[in-house]
Amino acid sequence: MSALIIGFFYIGGYIGHKELEGTDSKVENQAATSGVEKTPHSSLYELDQNGEYIGFGTVGILGGLFAGYIWPMVFEEESGRGGLTHG
């Protein structure tokens, strides 16, 4: 399977892809020539790079704590709160 994939990459590189234009550039060119004037607006929250790290880290920690707290309730059978049945 790997040899087949490598073969496809080799054939694609040999044929060349210079005449194939990507979708992004087609859409950008069409939008640039459409003549529609729209003003950009900012999003609700704009975070700089450090703010993104802090935000995603905080959400990851809180999600992990929440999942760790809920996990025993879902997958343990001791108190009859549900869980997986074994065999």
Protein backbone atom coordinates (compact mmCIF):
# COMPACT_ATOMS: atom_id res chain seq x y z
CA MET A 1 0.00 0.00 0.00
CA SER A 2 2.85 2.37 0.83
CA ALA A 3 4.52 1.62 -2.50
CA LEU A 4 1.26 2.43 -4.29
CA ILE A 5 0.94 5.78 -2.50
CA ILE A 6 4.59 6.64 -3.19
CA GLY A 7 4.02 5.67 -6.82
CA PHE A 8 1.07 8.06 -7.06
CA PHE A 9 3.18 10.88 -5.61
CA TYR A 10 5.96 10.12 -8.07
CA ILE A 11 3.60 10.04 -11.05
CA GLY A 12 1.92 13.25 -9.92
CA GLY A 13 5.28 14.97 -9.59
CA TYR A 14 6.40 13.67 -12.98
CA ILE A 15 3.25 14.85 -14.76
CA GLY A 16 3.48 18.21 -13.10
CA HIS A 17 0.83 20.26 -11.41
CA LYS A 18 1.63 23.74 -12.67
CA GLU A 19 -1.50 23.99 -14.79
CA LEU A 20 -3.75 22.90 -11.93
CA GLU A 21 -4.99 25.94 -10.09
CA GLY A 22 -6.17 25.56 -6.52
CA THR A 23 -9.67 26.36 -5.34
CA ASP A 24 -8.46 29.08 -2.96
CA SER A 25 -6.97 31.22 -5.69
CA LYS A 26 -10.07 30.80 -7.89
CA VAL A 27 -12.36 31.91 -5.07
CA GLU A 28 -10.10 34.82 -4.13
CA ASN A 29 -9.93 36.02 -7.73
CA GLN A 30 -13.71 35.76 -8.11
CA ALA A 31 -14.28 37.66 -4.86
CA ALA A 32 -11.82 40.36 -5.89
CA THR A 33 -13.57 40.95 -9.21
CA SER A 34 -17.16 40.70 -7.94
CA GLY A 35 -17.31 44.40 -7.09
CA VAL A 36 -19.04 43.91 -3.76
CA GLU A 37 -17.84 46.38 -1.17
CA LYS A 38 -18.10 44.99 2.32
CA THR A 39 -16.47 46.36 5.40
CA PRO A 40 -14.81 43.83 7.67
CA HIS A 41 -15.99 43.56 11.24
CA SER A 42 -14.16 42.26 14.23
CA SER A 43 -15.12 39.16 16.11
CA LEU A 44 -16.62 39.19 19.58
CA TYR A 45 -13.34 38.35 21.30
CA GLU A 46 -9.97 39.05 19.80
CA LEU A 47 -7.08 37.33 21.52
CA ASP A 48 -3.42 37.85 20.90
CA GLN A 49 -1.08 34.87 20.73
CA ASN A 50 -0.57 34.66 24.50
CA GLY A 51 -4.30 35.02 25.07
CA GLU A 52 -4.96 32.07 22.78
CA TYR A 53 -2.49 29.91 24.70
CA ILE A 54 -4.03 30.90 28.02
CA GLY A 55 -7.60 30.45 26.75
CA PHE A 56 -7.08 27.05 25.14
CA GLY A 57 -5.01 25.86 28.09
CA THR A 58 -7.69 26.91 30.56
CA VAL A 59 -10.46 25.25 28.56
CA GLY A 60 -8.37 22.08 28.24
CA ILE A 61 -7.69 21.94 31.97
CA LEU A 62 -11.32 22.59 32.88
CA GLY A 63 -12.53 20.03 30.33
CA GLY A 64 -10.10 17.46 31.71
CA LEU A 65 -11.21 18.09 35.29
CA PHE A 66 -14.86 17.88 34.30
CA ALA A 67 -14.34 14.66 32.34
CA GLY A 68 -12.32 13.19 35.20
CA TYR A 69 -15.07 14.02 37.65
CA ILE A 70 -17.85 12.61 35.45
CA TRP A 71 -15.93 9.49 34.32
CA PRO A 72 -16.50 7.45 37.50
CA MET A 73 -20.20 8.31 37.51
CA VAL A 74 -20.62 6.99 34.00
CA PHE A 75 -18.40 3.91 34.05
CA GLU A 76 -18.60 2.54 37.61
CA GLU A 77 -21.28 0.16 38.83
CA GLU A 78 -20.81 0.51 42.59
CA SER A 79 -23.59 2.89 43.47
CA GLY A 80 -26.05 1.98 40.74
CA ARG A 81 -25.64 5.26 38.89
CA GLY A 82 -25.22 3.51 35.59
CA GLY A 83 -22.14 2.15 33.96
CA LEU A 84 -21.04 -0.68 31.81
CA THR A 85 -22.33 -4.15 32.53
CA HIS A 86 -19.84 -6.97 32.44
CA GLY A 87 -20.84 -10.19 31.13
